[in-house]
């Protein structure tokens, strides 16, 4: 199966742009609350935006390798579609969490499910390939 993996590449880069958007929202929260760096606490709005950014970087470490390995072992289009679902989940998470931490669950579930499919799909296929082709 010969694929260019351009879709996985585009989704990777757009995922990083979503992350940059979250970082920029921290600056806006700092301006609105009057809390300058390096302070990380002092107002719930700032603390929520910092948590959104930190949680997203924690998930990027799992999501991005899973996305690429899924694209390599399965299919670029399916990986990219799951990547779009992940981004939607992260955006829903960010907007919900920023408004009220109790509203973060739906976005978290969406992105966690997309990541799980990518992770376990890639792992399962890699094990299958190893078993069929050999090491």
Protein backbone atom coordinates (compact mmCIF):
# COMPACT_ATOMS: atom_id res chain seq x y z
CA UNK A 1 0.00 0.00 0.00
CA UNK A 2 1.69 3.19 -1.19
CA UNK A 3 0.45 6.33 0.56
CA UNK A 4 1.81 9.83 0.69
CA UNK A 5 0.58 10.43 4.27
CA UNK A 6 -0.11 14.04 3.33
CA UNK A 7 -3.41 13.96 5.21
CA UNK A 8 -1.74 12.79 8.42
CA UNK A 9 0.86 15.53 7.94
CA UNK A 10 -1.82 18.21 7.47
CA UNK A 11 -3.79 16.99 10.50
CA UNK A 12 -0.60 16.94 12.57
CA UNK A 13 0.16 20.55 11.69
CA UNK A 14 -3.42 21.73 12.23
CA UNK A 15 -3.42 19.91 15.59
CA UNK A 16 -0.36 21.93 16.52
CA UNK A 17 -2.16 25.11 15.44
CA UNK A 18 -5.04 24.18 17.75
CA UNK A 19 -2.44 23.88 20.51
CA UNK A 20 -0.99 27.29 19.62
CA UNK A 21 -4.52 28.74 19.85
CA UNK A 22 -4.71 27.37 23.40
CA UNK A 23 -1.37 28.95 24.28
CA UNK A 24 -2.52 32.32 22.93
CA UNK A 25 -5.65 32.09 25.07
CA UNK A 26 -3.38 32.02 28.14
CA UNK A 27 -2.03 35.43 27.14
CA UNK A 28 -5.57 36.76 26.82
CA UNK A 29 -6.45 35.38 30.25
CA UNK A 30 -3.32 37.01 31.69
CA UNK A 31 -4.32 40.39 30.25
CA UNK A 32 -7.92 40.10 31.49
CA UNK A 33 -6.88 39.04 34.98
CA UNK A 34 -3.82 41.28 35.30
CA UNK A 35 -1.58 38.35 36.28
CA UNK A 36 1.82 38.59 34.62
CA UNK A 37 4.23 35.75 33.96
CA UNK A 38 5.79 33.88 35.64
CA UNK A 39 2.82 33.61 38.02
CA UNK A 40 0.78 30.47 37.39
CA UNK A 41 -1.97 31.03 39.94
CA UNK A 42 -4.09 33.81 41.30
CA UNK A 43 -7.28 33.78 39.26
CA UNK A 44 -9.54 30.85 38.28
CA UNK A 45 -9.75 31.98 34.62
CA UNK A 46 -5.96 31.95 34.20
CA UNK A 47 -5.66 28.65 36.03
CA UNK A 48 -8.27 27.04 33.77
CA UNK A 49 -6.45 28.16 30.61
CA UNK A 50 -3.14 26.92 31.96
CA UNK A 51 -4.73 23.57 32.77
CA UNK A 52 -6.26 23.35 29.28
CA UNK A 53 -2.84 23.93 27.72
CA UNK A 54 -1.05 21.51 30.05
CA UNK A 55 -3.62 18.76 29.59
CA UNK A 56 -3.44 19.16 25.82
CA UNK A 57 0.35 18.83 25.72
CA UNK A 58 0.02 15.73 27.91
CA UNK A 59 -2.33 14.21 25.30
CA UNK A 60 -0.26 15.34 22.30
CA UNK A 61 2.50 12.97 23.44
CA UNK A 62 0.09 10.03 23.12
CA UNK A 63 -1.98 11.28 20.19
CA UNK A 64 0.68 12.30 17.63
CA UNK A 65 2.73 9.07 17.58
CA UNK A 66 -0.51 7.07 17.55
CA UNK A 67 -1.82 9.13 14.62
CA UNK A 68 1.32 8.52 12.58
CA UNK A 69 1.66 4.86 13.39
CA UNK A 70 -2.00 4.33 12.54
CA UNK A 71 -1.46 6.15 9.23
CA UNK A 72 1.59 3.99 8.47
CA UNK A 73 0.13 0.64 9.51
CA UNK A 74 -3.49 1.17 8.45
CA UNK A 75 -4.61 4.13 6.39
CA UNK A 76 -3.79 7.82 6.02
CA UNK A 77 -7.41 8.90 5.46
CA UNK A 78 -8.78 7.07 8.48
CA UNK A 79 -5.95 8.37 10.66
CA UNK A 80 -6.60 11.92 9.45
CA UNK A 81 -10.34 11.58 10.09
CA UNK A 82 -9.64 10.39 13.63
CA UNK A 83 -7.23 13.30 14.01
CA UNK A 84 -10.01 15.71 13.06
CA UNK A 85 -12.22 14.08 15.69
CA UNK A 86 -9.39 14.53 18.22
CA UNK A 87 -9.12 18.23 17.36
CA UNK A 88 -12.87 18.72 17.68
CA UNK A 89 -12.74 17.01 21.05
CA UNK A 90 -9.87 19.22 22.24
CA UNK A 91 -11.68 22.38 21.11
CA UNK A 92 -14.91 21.30 22.82
CA UNK A 93 -12.82 20.47 25.91
CA UNK A 94 -11.07 23.85 25.88
CA UNK A 95 -14.20 25.91 25.40
CA UNK A 96 -16.13 23.92 27.98
CA UNK A 97 -13.36 23.97 30.57
CA UNK A 98 -12.75 27.70 30.10
CA UNK A 99 -16.44 28.42 30.72
CA UNK A 100 -16.88 25.98 33.63
CA UNK A 101 -14.57 23.08 34.59
CA UNK A 102 -17.62 20.83 34.93
CA UNK A 103 -18.23 21.26 31.17
CA UNK A 104 -14.94 19.66 30.07
CA UNK A 105 -16.12 16.05 30.09
CA UNK A 106 -17.70 15.75 26.61
CA UNK A 107 -14.62 17.12 24.83
CA UNK A 108 -12.35 14.95 26.95
CA UNK A 109 -14.33 11.81 26.07
CA UNK A 110 -14.34 12.64 22.34
CA UNK A 111 -10.57 13.13 22.15
CA UNK A 112 -9.83 10.18 24.44
CA UNK A 113 -11.88 7.83 22.25
CA UNK A 114 -10.17 9.09 19.07
CA UNK A 115 -6.77 8.64 20.71
CA UNK A 116 -7.71 5.17 21.93
CA UNK A 117 -8.70 4.04 18.44
CA UNK A 118 -5.45 5.41 17.02
CA UNK A 119 -3.29 3.95 19.78
CA UNK A 120 -4.80 0.48 19.98
CA UNK A 121 -5.38 0.31 16.25
CA UNK A 122 -1.72 1.04 15.56
CA UNK A 123 -0.55 -1.31 18.28
CA UNK A 124 -2.79 -4.14 17.10
CA UNK A 125 -1.70 -3.76 13.50
CA UNK A 126 1.99 -3.55 14.44
CA UNK A 127 1.69 -6.76 16.46
CA UNK A 128 -0.17 -8.41 13.57
CA UNK A 129 2.52 -7.38 11.10
CA UNK A 130 5.21 -8.68 13.44
CA UNK A 131 3.41 -12.01 13.84
CA UNK A 132 2.76 -12.45 10.09
CA UNK A 133 5.99 -11.06 8.66
CA UNK A 134 8.25 -11.76 11.60
CA UNK A 135 10.79 -9.64 13.37
